[in-house]
Amino acid sequence: MMSVTVGGLAAAMIVFTVPTIALGNQLADLRLAQGAADAAALAAADAQLWQLRSDPCFLAGRVVEGNGFRLARCQCTSTECCISMAPLSWLPVDAPRARAGAVGENVSVRCVW
């Protein structure tokens, strides 16, 4: 009787622990991806604002791919860059996205997600 109870408790621990660990890993990946999106938007905006020779969206893609993720969309205007990344997993959350660029009264946010 005792071995059945111990076996049942062990099975219950496995049933609840494995999905919890998987969810935690997915949420950690989401935070890493958001950081990559932020860095990519900053790199693209820097290239755009300083008129560097490299294409801003190419630089954003390099930053995102260098972090192990995939860039879905990059849109730059003369004052800002908007980055959207590919969905990461089965989680019902929006894909990471970021905006970087000039600030001030004359600048309006024009990112279309």
PDB file of N, CA and C in Angstrom:
ATOM      1  N   MET A   1       0.812  -1.186   0.000  1.00  0.00           N
ATOM      2  CA  MET A   1       0.000   0.000   0.000  1.00  0.00           C
ATOM      3  C   MET A   1       0.864   1.262   0.000  1.00  0.00           C
ATOM      4  N   MET A   2       1.940   1.205   0.769  1.00  0.00           N
ATOM      5  CA  MET A   2       2.819   2.374   0.839  1.00  0.00           C
ATOM      6  C   MET A   2       3.541   2.611  -0.478  1.00  0.00           C
ATOM      7  N   SER A   3       3.925   1.547  -1.169  1.00  0.00           N
ATOM      8  CA  SER A   3       4.637   1.715  -2.437  1.00  0.00           C
ATOM      9  C   SER A   3       3.715   2.315  -3.507  1.00  0.00           C
ATOM     10  N   VAL A   4       2.424   2.026  -3.442  1.00  0.00           N
ATOM     11  CA  VAL A   4       1.471   2.616  -4.380  1.00  0.00           C
ATOM     12  C   VAL A   4       1.363   4.121  -4.135  1.00  0.00           C
ATOM     13  N   THR A   5       1.319   4.523  -2.881  1.00  0.00           N
ATOM     14  CA  THR A   5       1.237   5.940  -2.539  1.00  0.00           C
ATOM     15  C   THR A   5       2.505   6.682  -2.972  1.00  0.00           C
ATOM     16  N   VAL A   6       3.644   6.099  -2.699  1.00  0.00           N
ATOM     17  CA  VAL A   6       4.921   6.702  -3.093  1.00  0.00           C
ATOM     18  C   VAL A   6       5.013   6.770  -4.614  1.00  0.00           C
ATOM     19  N   GLY A   7       4.596   5.736  -5.287  1.00  0.00           N
ATOM     20  CA  GLY A   7       4.613   5.728  -6.756  1.00  0.00           C
ATOM     21  C   GLY A   7       3.668   6.776  -7.330  1.00  0.00           C
ATOM     22  N   GLY A   8       2.511   6.918  -6.718  1.00  0.00           N
ATOM     23  CA  GLY A   8       1.556   7.932  -7.166  1.00  0.00           C
ATOM     24  C   GLY A   8       2.086   9.337  -6.958  1.00  0.00           C
ATOM     25  N   LEU A   9       2.722   9.578  -5.829  1.00  0.00           N
ATOM     26  CA  LEU A   9       3.312  10.894  -5.570  1.00  0.00           C
ATOM     27  C   LEU A   9       4.443  11.191  -6.544  1.00  0.00           C
ATOM     28  N   ALA A  10       5.256  10.200  -6.853  1.00  0.00           N
ATOM     29  CA  ALA A  10       6.354  10.386  -7.805  1.00  0.00           C
ATOM     30  C   ALA A  10       5.801  10.704  -9.192  1.00  0.00           C
ATOM     31  N   ALA A  11       4.760   9.989  -9.590  1.00  0.00           N
ATOM     32  CA  ALA A  11       4.150  10.253 -10.897  1.00  0.00           C
ATOM     33  C   ALA A  11       3.535  11.651 -10.944  1.00  0.00           C
ATOM     34  N   ALA A  12       2.890  12.060  -9.866  1.00  0.00           N
ATOM     35  CA  ALA A  12       2.292  13.397  -9.816  1.00  0.00           C
ATOM     36  C   ALA A  12       3.369  14.476  -9.883  1.00  0.00           C
ATOM     37  N   MET A  13       4.491  14.250  -9.225  1.00  0.00           N
ATOM     38  CA  MET A  13       5.579  15.224  -9.274  1.00  0.00           C
ATOM     39  C   MET A  13       6.120  15.359 -10.699  1.00  0.00           C
ATOM     40  N   ILE A  14       6.263  14.262 -11.391  1.00  0.00           N
ATOM     41  CA  ILE A  14       6.766  14.292 -12.771  1.00  0.00           C
ATOM     42  C   ILE A  14       5.767  15.000 -13.677  1.00  0.00           C
ATOM     43  N   VAL A  15       4.478  14.683 -13.499  1.00  0.00           N
ATOM     44  CA  VAL A  15       3.441  15.275 -14.349  1.00  0.00           C
ATOM     45  C   VAL A  15       3.399  16.789 -14.195  1.00  0.00           C
ATOM     46  N   PHE A  16       3.620  17.308 -13.001  1.00  0.00           N
ATOM     47  CA  PHE A  16       3.560  18.753 -12.792  1.00  0.00           C
ATOM     48  C   PHE A  16       4.908  19.450 -12.997  1.00  0.00           C
ATOM     49  N   THR A  17       6.005  18.755 -12.730  1.00  0.00           N
ATOM     50  CA  THR A  17       7.320  19.376 -12.815  1.00  0.00           C
ATOM     51  C   THR A  17       7.774  19.577 -14.251  1.00  0.00           C
ATOM     52  N   VAL A  18       7.607  18.594 -15.101  1.00  0.00           N
ATOM     53  CA  VAL A  18       8.092  18.690 -16.485  1.00  0.00           C
ATOM     54  C   VAL A  18       7.439  19.843 -17.246  1.00  0.00           C
ATOM     55  N   PRO A  19       6.108  19.998 -17.232  1.00  0.00           N
ATOM     56  CA  PRO A  19       5.526  21.149 -17.927  1.00  0.00           C
ATOM     57  C   PRO A  19       5.935  22.490 -17.322  1.00  0.00           C
ATOM     58  N   THR A  20       6.117  22.523 -16.004  1.00  0.00           N
ATOM     59  CA  THR A  20       6.533  23.764 -15.363  1.00  0.00           C
ATOM     60  C   THR A  20       7.933  24.165 -15.821  1.00  0.00           C
ATOM     61  N   ILE A  21       8.828  23.216 -15.917  1.00  0.00           N
ATOM     62  CA  ILE A  21      10.184  23.502 -16.397  1.00  0.00           C
ATOM     63  C   ILE A  21      10.139  23.934 -17.855  1.00  0.00           C
ATOM     64  N   ALA A  22       9.327  23.277 -18.670  1.00  0.00           N
ATOM     65  CA  ALA A  22       9.222  23.646 -20.087  1.00  0.00           C
ATOM     66  C   ALA A  22       8.676  25.065 -20.240  1.00  0.00           C
ATOM     67  N   LEU A  23       7.679  25.418 -19.462  1.00  0.00           N
ATOM     68  CA  LEU A  23       7.116  26.772 -19.519  1.00  0.00           C
ATOM     69  C   LEU A  23       8.148  27.800 -19.067  1.00  0.00           C
ATOM     70  N   GLY A  24       8.878  27.490 -18.035  1.00  0.00           N
ATOM     71  CA  GLY A  24       9.929  28.400 -17.565  1.00  0.00           C
ATOM     72  C   GLY A  24      10.991  28.632 -18.617  1.00  0.00           C
ATOM     73  N   ASN A  25      11.383  27.584 -19.327  1.00  0.00           N
ATOM     74  CA  ASN A  25      12.371  27.728 -20.402  1.00  0.00           C
ATOM     75  C   ASN A  25      11.835  28.586 -21.536  1.00  0.00           C
ATOM     76  N   GLN A  26      10.565  28.411 -21.882  1.00  0.00           N
ATOM     77  CA  GLN A  26       9.977  29.217 -22.950  1.00  0.00           C
ATOM     78  C   GLN A  26       9.915  30.690 -22.562  1.00  0.00           C
ATOM     79  N   LEU A  27       9.563  30.977 -21.322  1.00  0.00           N
ATOM     80  CA  LEU A  27       9.514  32.359 -20.865  1.00  0.00           C
ATOM     81  C   LEU A  27      10.908  32.984 -20.813  1.00  0.00           C
ATOM     82  N   ALA A  28      11.918  32.198 -20.447  1.00  0.00           N
ATOM     83  CA  ALA A  28      13.291  32.702 -20.462  1.00  0.00           C
ATOM     84  C   ALA A  28      13.727  33.011 -21.890  1.00  0.00           C
ATOM     85  N   ASP A  29      13.373  32.137 -22.843  1.00  0.00           N
ATOM     86  CA  ASP A  29      13.692  32.395 -24.250  1.00  0.00           C
ATOM     87  C   ASP A  29      12.997  33.654 -24.748  1.00  0.00           C
ATOM     88  N   LEU A  30      11.783  33.890 -24.295  1.00  0.00           N
ATOM     89  CA  LEU A  30      11.057  35.091 -24.692  1.00  0.00           C
ATOM     90  C   LEU A  30      11.778  36.349 -24.212  1.00  0.00           C
ATOM     91  N   ARG A  31      12.298  36.329 -22.995  1.00  0.00           N
ATOM     92  CA  ARG A  31      13.048  37.481 -22.469  1.00  0.00           C
ATOM     93  C   ARG A  31      14.341  37.677 -23.262  1.00  0.00           C
ATOM     94  N   LEU A  32      15.031  36.593 -23.585  1.00  0.00           N
ATOM     95  CA  LEU A  32      16.248  36.703 -24.399  1.00  0.00           C
ATOM     96  C   LEU A  32      15.932  37.270 -25.775  1.00  0.00           C
ATOM     97  N   ALA A  33      14.835  36.827 -26.355  1.00  0.00           N
ATOM     98  CA  ALA A  33      14.437  37.318 -27.675  1.00  0.00           C
ATOM     99  C   ALA A  33      14.075  38.790 -27.630  1.00  0.00           C
ATOM    100  N   GLN A  34      13.441  39.236 -26.557  1.00  0.00           N
ATOM    101  CA  GLN A  34      13.111  40.655 -26.445  1.00  0.00           C
ATOM    102  C   GLN A  34      14.374  41.489 -26.349  1.00  0.00           C
ATOM    103  N   GLY A  35      15.358  40.991 -25.639  1.00  0.00           N
ATOM    104  CA  GLY A  35      16.641  41.685 -25.572  1.00  0.00           C
ATOM    105  C   GLY A  35      17.311  41.763 -26.931  1.00  0.00           C
ATOM    106  N   ALA A  36      17.217  40.683 -27.703  1.00  0.00           N
ATOM    107  CA  ALA A  36      17.786  40.675 -29.057  1.00  0.00           C
ATOM    108  C   ALA A  36      17.039  41.659 -29.956  1.00  0.00           C
ATOM    109  N   ALA A  37      15.726  41.735 -29.817  1.00  0.00           N
ATOM    110  CA  ALA A  37      14.938  42.686 -30.612  1.00  0.00           C
ATOM    111  C   ALA A  37      15.308  44.123 -30.252  1.00  0.00           C
ATOM    112  N   ASP A  38      15.486  44.401 -28.971  1.00  0.00           N
ATOM    113  CA  ASP A  38      15.891  45.741 -28.551  1.00  0.00           C
ATOM    114  C   ASP A  38      17.259  46.105 -29.117  1.00  0.00           C
ATOM    115  N   ALA A  39      18.207  45.173 -29.017  1.00  0.00           N
ATOM    116  CA  ALA A  39      19.549  45.431 -29.537  1.00  0.00           C
ATOM    117  C   ALA A  39      19.526  45.621 -31.052  1.00  0.00           C
ATOM    118  N   ALA A  40      18.716  44.838 -31.750  1.00  0.00           N
ATOM    119  CA  ALA A  40      18.615  44.966 -33.195  1.00  0.00           C
ATOM    120  C   ALA A  40      18.015  46.305 -33.599  1.00  0.00           C
ATOM    121  N   ALA A  41      16.990  46.746 -32.883  1.00  0.00           N
ATOM    122  CA  ALA A  41      16.389  48.039 -33.188  1.00  0.00           C
ATOM    123  C   ALA A  41      17.377  49.173 -32.947  1.00  0.00           C
ATOM    124  N   LEU A  42      18.153  49.063 -31.886  1.00  0.00           N
ATOM    125  CA  LEU A  42      19.164  50.083 -31.613  1.00  0.00           C
ATOM    126  C   LEU A  42      20.248  50.099 -32.693  1.00  0.00           C
ATOM    127  N   ALA A  43      20.690  48.926 -33.128  1.00  0.00           N
ATOM    128  CA  ALA A  43      21.706  48.855 -34.177  1.00  0.00           C
ATOM    129  C   ALA A  43      21.185  49.445 -35.480  1.00  0.00           C
ATOM    130  N   ALA A  44      19.954  49.111 -35.825  1.00  0.00           N
ATOM    131  CA  ALA A  44      19.367  49.625 -37.072  1.00  0.00           C
ATOM    132  C   ALA A  44      19.168  51.138 -36.997  1.00  0.00           C
ATOM    133  N   ALA A  45      18.661  51.621 -35.876  1.00  0.00           N
ATOM    134  CA  ALA A  45      18.439  53.061 -35.731  1.00  0.00           C
ATOM    135  C   ALA A  45      19.761  53.814 -35.747  1.00  0.00           C
ATOM    136  N   ASP A  46      20.775  53.250 -35.137  1.00  0.00           N
ATOM    137  CA  ASP A  46      22.091  53.879 -35.137  1.00  0.00           C
ATOM    138  C   ASP A  46      22.628  53.995 -36.565  1.00  0.00           C
ATOM    139  N   ALA A  47      22.498  52.917 -37.321  1.00  0.00           N
ATOM    140  CA  ALA A  47      22.944  52.942 -38.717  1.00  0.00           C
ATOM    141  C   ALA A  47      22.132  53.938 -39.540  1.00  0.00           C
ATOM    142  N   GLN A  48      20.851  54.026 -39.274  1.00  0.00           N
ATOM    143  CA  GLN A  48      19.983  54.933 -40.020  1.00  0.00           C
ATOM    144  C   GLN A  48      20.269  56.397 -39.672  1.00  0.00           C
ATOM    145  N   LEU A  49      20.363  56.683 -38.396  1.00  0.00           N
ATOM    146  CA  LEU A  49      20.544  58.066 -37.959  1.00  0.00           C
ATOM    147  C   LEU A  49      21.926  58.614 -38.308  1.00  0.00           C
ATOM    148  N   TRP A  50      22.937  57.750 -38.259  1.00  0.00           N
ATOM    149  CA  TRP A  50      24.295  58.188 -38.574  1.00  0.00           C
ATOM    150  C   TRP A  50      24.646  57.945 -40.031  1.00  0.00           C
ATOM    151  N   GLN A  51      23.688  57.468 -40.801  1.00  0.00           N
ATOM    152  CA  GLN A  51      23.843  57.235 -42.241  1.00  0.00           C
ATOM    153  C   GLN A  51      25.090  56.396 -42.544  1.00  0.00           C
ATOM    154  N   LEU A  52      25.192  55.277 -41.865  1.00  0.00           N
ATOM    155  CA  LEU A  52      26.304  54.358 -42.105  1.00  0.00           C
ATOM    156  C   LEU A  52      26.128  53.683 -43.459  1.00  0.00           C
ATOM    157  N   ARG A  53      27.176  53.134 -43.961  1.00  0.00           N
ATOM    158  CA  ARG A  53      27.120  52.504 -45.284  1.00  0.00           C
ATOM    159  C   ARG A  53      26.267  51.239 -45.300  1.00  0.00           C
ATOM    160  N   SER A  54      26.162  50.564 -44.176  1.00  0.00           N
ATOM    161  CA  SER A  54      25.412  49.310 -44.129  1.00  0.00           C
ATOM    162  C   SER A  54      23.910  49.577 -44.092  1.00  0.00           C
ATOM    163  N   ASP A  55      23.162  48.647 -44.663  1.00  0.00           N
ATOM    164  CA  ASP A  55      21.702  48.707 -44.612  1.00  0.00           C
ATOM    165  C   ASP A  55      21.255  48.473 -43.168  1.00  0.00           C
ATOM    166  N   PRO A  56      20.428  49.351 -42.612  1.00  0.00           N
ATOM    167  CA  PRO A  56      20.003  49.189 -41.218  1.00  0.00           C
ATOM    168  C   PRO A  56      19.312  47.854 -40.945  1.00  0.00           C
ATOM    169  N   CYS A  57      18.476  47.414 -41.863  1.00  0.00           N
ATOM    170  CA  CYS A  57      17.765  46.153 -41.652  1.00  0.00           C
ATOM    171  C   CYS A  57      18.705  44.955 -41.748  1.00  0.00           C
ATOM    172  N   PHE A  58      19.734  45.073 -42.558  1.00  0.00           N
ATOM    173  CA  PHE A  58      20.743  44.010 -42.620  1.00  0.00           C
ATOM    174  C   PHE A  58      21.448  43.891 -41.274  1.00  0.00           C
ATOM    175  N   LEU A  59      21.810  45.029 -40.696  1.00  0.00           N
ATOM    176  CA  LEU A  59      22.453  45.005 -39.376  1.00  0.00           C
ATOM    177  C   LEU A  59      21.520  44.432 -38.314  1.00  0.00           C
ATOM    178  N   ALA A  60      20.252  44.814 -38.377  1.00  0.00           N
ATOM    179  CA  ALA A  60      19.282  44.277 -37.414  1.00  0.00           C
ATOM    180  C   ALA A  60      19.183  42.760 -37.544  1.00  0.00           C
ATOM    181  N   GLY A  61      19.153  42.279 -38.774  1.00  0.00           N
ATOM    182  CA  GLY A  61      19.098  40.839 -38.997  1.00  0.00           C
ATOM    183  C   GLY A  61      20.320  40.121 -38.453  1.00  0.00           C
ATOM    184  N   ARG A  62      21.485  40.733 -38.613  1.00  0.00           N
ATOM    185  CA  ARG A  62      22.715  40.126 -38.092  1.00  0.00           C
ATOM    186  C   ARG A  62      22.678  40.030 -36.573  1.00  0.00           C
ATOM    187  N   VAL A  63      22.168  41.077 -35.924  1.00  0.00           N
ATOM    188  CA  VAL A  63      22.089  41.070 -34.463  1.00  0.00           C
ATOM    189  C   VAL A  63      21.121  39.993 -33.992  1.00  0.00           C
ATOM    190  N   VAL A  64      19.958  39.931 -34.624  1.00  0.00           N
ATOM    191  CA  VAL A  64      18.947  38.948 -34.216  1.00  0.00           C
ATOM    192  C   VAL A  64      19.447  37.522 -34.462  1.00  0.00           C
ATOM    193  N   GLU A  65      19.995  37.272 -35.641  1.00  0.00           N
ATOM    194  CA  GLU A  65      20.486  35.928 -35.955  1.00  0.00           C
ATOM    195  C   GLU A  65      21.692  35.556 -35.105  1.00  0.00           C
ATOM    196  N   GLY A  66      22.506  36.546 -34.755  1.00  0.00           N
ATOM    197  CA  GLY A  66      23.641  36.283 -33.880  1.00  0.00           C
ATOM    198  C   GLY A  66      23.216  35.843 -32.493  1.00  0.00           C
ATOM    199  N   ASN A  67      22.000  36.184 -32.117  1.00  0.00           N
ATOM    200  CA  ASN A  67      21.451  35.757 -30.833  1.00  0.00           C
ATOM    201  C   ASN A  67      20.613  34.492 -30.954  1.00  0.00           C
ATOM    202  N   GLY A  68      20.565  33.920 -32.150  1.00  0.00           N
ATOM    203  CA  GLY A  68      19.873  32.646 -32.332  1.00  0.00           C
ATOM    204  C   GLY A  68      18.396  32.755 -32.646  1.00  0.00           C
ATOM    205  N   PHE A  69      17.933  33.915 -33.106  1.00  0.00           N
ATOM    206  CA  PHE A  69      16.525  34.099 -33.417  1.00  0.00           C
ATOM    207  C   PHE A  69      16.365  34.501 -34.879  1.00  0.00           C
ATOM    208  N   ARG A  70      15.142  34.762 -35.308  1.00  0.00           N
ATOM    209  CA  ARG A  70      14.873  35.095 -36.710  1.00  0.00           C
ATOM    210  C   ARG A  70      14.091  36.404 -36.798  1.00  0.00           C
ATOM    211  N   LEU A  71      14.569  37.290 -37.674  1.00  0.00           N
ATOM    212  CA  LEU A  71      13.920  38.576 -37.900  1.00  0.00           C
ATOM    213  C   LEU A  71      12.757  38.383 -38.859  1.00  0.00           C
ATOM    214  N   ALA A  72      11.590  38.890 -38.486  1.00  0.00           N
ATOM    215  CA  ALA A  72      10.411  38.762 -39.344  1.00  0.00           C
ATOM    216  C   ALA A  72      10.191  40.025 -40.162  1.00  0.00           C
ATOM    217  N   ARG A  73      10.429  41.187 -39.538  1.00  0.00           N
ATOM    218  CA  ARG A  73      10.151  42.436 -40.240  1.00  0.00           C
ATOM    219  C   ARG A  73      11.052  43.543 -39.718  1.00  0.00           C
ATOM    220  N   CYS A  74      11.502  44.376 -40.619  1.00  0.00           N
ATOM    221  CA  CYS A  74      12.306  45.537 -40.268  1.00  0.00           C
ATOM    222  C   CYS A  74      11.823  46.694 -41.122  1.00  0.00           C
ATOM    223  N   GLN A  75      11.527  47.803 -40.486  1.00  0.00           N
ATOM    224  CA  GLN A  75      11.029  48.977 -41.196  1.00  0.00           C
ATOM    225  C   GLN A  75      11.745  50.198 -40.623  1.00  0.00           C
ATOM    226  N   CYS A  76      12.408  50.959 -41.489  1.00  0.00           N
ATOM    227  CA  CYS A  76      13.129  52.146 -41.038  1.00  0.00           C
ATOM    228  C   CYS A  76      12.648  53.377 -41.799  1.00  0.00           C
ATOM    229  N   THR A  77      12.512  54.453 -41.062  1.00  0.00           N
ATOM    230  CA  THR A  77      12.262  55.757 -41.663  1.00  0.00           C
ATOM    231  C   THR A  77      13.509  56.597 -41.402  1.00  0.00           C
ATOM    232  N   SER A  78      13.438  57.864 -41.691  1.00  0.00           N
ATOM    233  CA  SER A  78      14.615  58.706 -41.475  1.00  0.00           C
ATOM    234  C   SER A  78      14.910  58.924 -39.995  1.00  0.00           C
ATOM    235  N   THR A  79      13.952  58.679 -39.128  1.00  0.00           N
ATOM    236  CA  THR A  79      14.148  58.954 -37.704  1.00  0.00           C
ATOM    237  C   THR A  79      14.002  57.754 -36.782  1.00  0.00           C
ATOM    238  N   GLU A  80      13.523  56.620 -37.280  1.00  0.00           N
ATOM    239  CA  GLU A  80      13.305  55.485 -36.394  1.00  0.00           C
ATOM    240  C   GLU A  80      13.357  54.167 -37.152  1.00  0.00           C
ATOM    241  N   CYS A  81      13.532  53.085 -36.386  1.00  0.00           N
ATOM    242  CA  CYS A  81      13.496  51.734 -36.950  1.00  0.00           C
ATOM    243  C   CYS A  81      12.610  50.865 -36.064  1.00  0.00           C
ATOM    244  N   CYS A  82      11.786  50.047 -36.711  1.00  0.00           N
ATOM    245  CA  CYS A  82      10.889  49.125 -36.015  1.00  0.00           C
ATOM    246  C   CYS A  82      11.279  47.701 -36.385  1.00  0.00           C
ATOM    247  N   ILE A  83      11.405  46.873 -35.381  1.00  0.00           N
ATOM    248  CA  ILE A  83      11.838  45.490 -35.557  1.00  0.00           C
ATOM    249  C   ILE A  83      10.743  44.566 -35.039  1.00  0.00           C
ATOM    250  N   SER A  84      10.444  43.530 -35.793  1.00  0.00           N
ATOM    251  CA  SER A  84       9.515  42.490 -35.352  1.00  0.00           C
ATOM    252  C   SER A  84      10.178  41.145 -35.611  1.00  0.00           C
ATOM    253  N   MET A  85      10.133  40.276 -34.622  1.00  0.00           N
ATOM    254  CA  MET A  85      10.781  38.974 -34.753  1.00  0.00           C
ATOM    255  C   MET A  85       9.752  37.887 -34.992  1.00  0.00           C
ATOM    256  N   ALA A  86      10.229  36.774 -35.494  1.00  0.00           N
ATOM    257  CA  ALA A  86       9.358  35.623 -35.746  1.00  0.00           C
ATOM    258  C   ALA A  86       8.860  35.064 -34.417  1.00  0.00           C
ATOM    259  N   PRO A  87       7.641  34.512 -34.407  1.00  0.00           N
ATOM    260  CA  PRO A  87       7.135  33.888 -33.177  1.00  0.00           C
ATOM    261  C   PRO A  87       8.087  32.794 -32.702  1.00  0.00           C
ATOM    262  N   LEU A  88       8.201  32.666 -31.396  1.00  0.00           N
ATOM    263  CA  LEU A  88       9.183  31.748 -30.837  1.00  0.00           C
ATOM    264  C   LEU A  88       8.652  30.349 -30.584  1.00  0.00           C
ATOM    265  N   SER A  89       7.418  30.237 -30.178  1.00  0.00           N
ATOM    266  CA  SER A  89       6.954  28.922 -29.740  1.00  0.00           C
ATOM    267  C   SER A  89       5.440  28.866 -29.728  1.00  0.00           C
ATOM    268  N   TRP A  90       4.939  27.899 -29.031  1.00  0.00           N
ATOM    269  CA  TRP A  90       3.511  27.671 -28.908  1.00  0.00           C
ATOM    270  C   TRP A  90       2.863  28.601 -27.892  1.00  0.00           C
ATOM    271  N   LEU A  91       3.647  29.397 -27.174  1.00  0.00           N
ATOM    272  CA  LEU A  91       3.062  30.281 -26.168  1.00  0.00           C
ATOM    273  C   LEU A  91       2.140  31.306 -26.819  1.00  0.00           C
ATOM    274  N   PRO A  92       1.012  31.578 -26.214  1.00  0.00           N
ATOM    275  CA  PRO A  92       0.074  32.559 -26.787  1.00  0.00           C
ATOM    276  C   PRO A  92       0.477  33.998 -26.452  1.00  0.00           C
ATOM    277  N   VAL A  93       1.674  34.384 -26.875  1.00  0.00           N
ATOM    278  CA  VAL A  93       2.165  35.742 -26.660  1.00  0.00           C
ATOM    279  C   VAL A  93       2.603  36.321 -27.995  1.00  0.00           C
ATOM    280  N   ASP A  94       2.613  37.636 -28.066  1.00  0.00           N
ATOM    281  CA  ASP A  94       3.082  38.287 -29.283  1.00  0.00           C
ATOM    282  C   ASP A  94       4.572  38.038 -29.464  1.00  0.00           C
ATOM    283  N   ALA A  95       4.995  38.018 -30.716  1.00  0.00           N
ATOM    284  CA  ALA A  95       6.413  37.895 -31.009  1.00  0.00           C
ATOM    285  C   ALA A  95       7.121  39.156 -30.528  1.00  0.00           C
ATOM    286  N   PRO A  96       8.372  39.032 -30.110  1.00  0.00           N
ATOM    287  CA  PRO A  96       9.103  40.209 -29.646  1.00  0.00           C
ATOM    288  C   PRO A  96       9.212  41.271 -30.732  1.00  0.00           C
ATOM    289  N   ARG A  97       9.098  42.515 -30.326  1.00  0.00           N
ATOM    290  CA  ARG A  97       9.240  43.632 -31.254  1.00  0.00           C
ATOM    291  C   ARG A  97       9.823  44.811 -30.494  1.00  0.00           C
ATOM    292  N   ALA A  98      10.444  45.716 -31.246  1.00  0.00           N
ATOM    293  CA  ALA A  98      11.101  46.857 -30.615  1.00  0.00           C
ATOM    294  C   ALA A  98      11.141  48.029 -31.576  1.00  0.00           C
ATOM    295  N   ARG A  99      11.274  49.219 -31.003  1.00  0.00           N
ATOM    296  CA  ARG A  99      11.394  50.455 -31.771  1.00  0.00           C
ATOM    297  C   ARG A  99      12.533  51.259 -31.181  1.00  0.00           C
ATOM    298  N   ALA A 100      13.331  51.862 -32.043  1.00  0.00           N
ATOM    299  CA  ALA A 100      14.409  52.736 -31.585  1.00  0.00           C
ATOM    300  C   ALA A 100      14.551  53.870 -32.577  1.00  0.00           C
ATOM    301  N   GLY A 101      14.949  55.008 -32.084  1.00  0.00           N
ATOM    302  CA  GLY A 101      15.156  56.146 -32.957  1.00  0.00           C
ATOM    303  C   GLY A 101      15.154  57.442 -32.192  1.00  0.00           C
ATOM    304  N   ALA A 102      15.002  58.510 -32.934  1.00  0.00           N
ATOM    305  CA  ALA A 102      15.032  59.841 -32.348  1.00  0.00           C
ATOM    306  C   ALA A 102      13.821  60.066 -31.455  1.00  0.00           C
ATOM    307  N   VAL A 103      13.983  60.950 -30.495  1.00  0.00           N
ATOM    308  CA  VAL A 103      12.887  61.326 -29.605  1.00  0.00           C
ATOM    309  C   VAL A 103      12.687  62.825 -29.677  1.00  0.00           C
ATOM    310  N   GLY A 104      11.538  63.266 -29.287  1.00  0.00           N
ATOM    311  CA  GLY A 104      11.260  64.689 -29.278  1.00  0.00           C
ATOM    312  C   GLY A 104       9.831  64.962 -29.688  1.00  0.00           C
ATOM    313  N   GLU A 105       9.479  66.223 -29.689  1.00  0.00           N
ATOM    314  CA  GLU A 105       8.108  66.603 -30.010  1.00  0.00           C
ATOM    315  C   GLU A 105       7.770  66.412 -31.482  1.00  0.00           C
ATOM    316  N   ASN A 106       8.758  66.523 -32.352  1.00  0.00           N
ATOM    317  CA  ASN A 106       8.512  66.429 -33.790  1.00  0.00           C
ATOM    318  C   ASN A 106       8.488  65.000 -34.305  1.00  0.00           C
ATOM    319  N   VAL A 107       8.771  64.040 -33.449  1.00  0.00           N
ATOM    320  CA  VAL A 107       8.830  62.643 -33.865  1.00  0.00           C
ATOM    321  C   VAL A 107       7.589  61.928 -33.350  1.00  0.00           C
ATOM    322  N   SER A 108       6.900  61.275 -34.239  1.00  0.00           N
ATOM    323  CA  SER A 108       5.743  60.484 -33.818  1.00  0.00           C
ATOM    324  C   SER A 108       6.042  59.007 -34.085  1.00  0.00           C
ATOM    325  N   VAL A 109       5.505  58.168 -33.264  1.00  0.00           N
ATOM    326  CA  VAL A 109       5.712  56.737 -33.429  1.00  0.00           C
ATOM    327  C   VAL A 109       4.892  56.254 -34.610  1.00  0.00           C
ATOM    328  N   ARG A 110       5.555  55.708 -35.610  1.00  0.00           N
ATOM    329  CA  ARG A 110       4.882  55.271 -36.815  1.00  0.00           C
ATOM    330  C   ARG A 110       4.987  53.773 -37.054  1.00  0.00           C
ATOM    331  N   CYS A 111       5.433  53.046 -36.071  1.00  0.00           N
ATOM    332  CA  CYS A 111       5.595  51.608 -36.260  1.00  0.00           C
ATOM    333  C   CYS A 111       4.245  50.945 -36.454  1.00  0.00           C
ATOM    334  N   VAL A 112       4.155  50.140 -37.479  1.00  0.00           N
ATOM    335  CA  VAL A 112       2.942  49.361 -37.740  1.00  0.00           C
ATOM    336  C   VAL A 112       3.304  47.904 -37.498  1.00  0.00           C
ATOM    337  N   TRP A 113       2.798  47.345 -36.443  1.00  0.00           N
ATOM    338  CA  TRP A 113       3.138  45.975 -36.116  1.00  0.00           C
ATOM    339  C   TRP A 113       2.229  45.082 -36.882  1.00  0.00           C
TER     340      TRP A 113
END
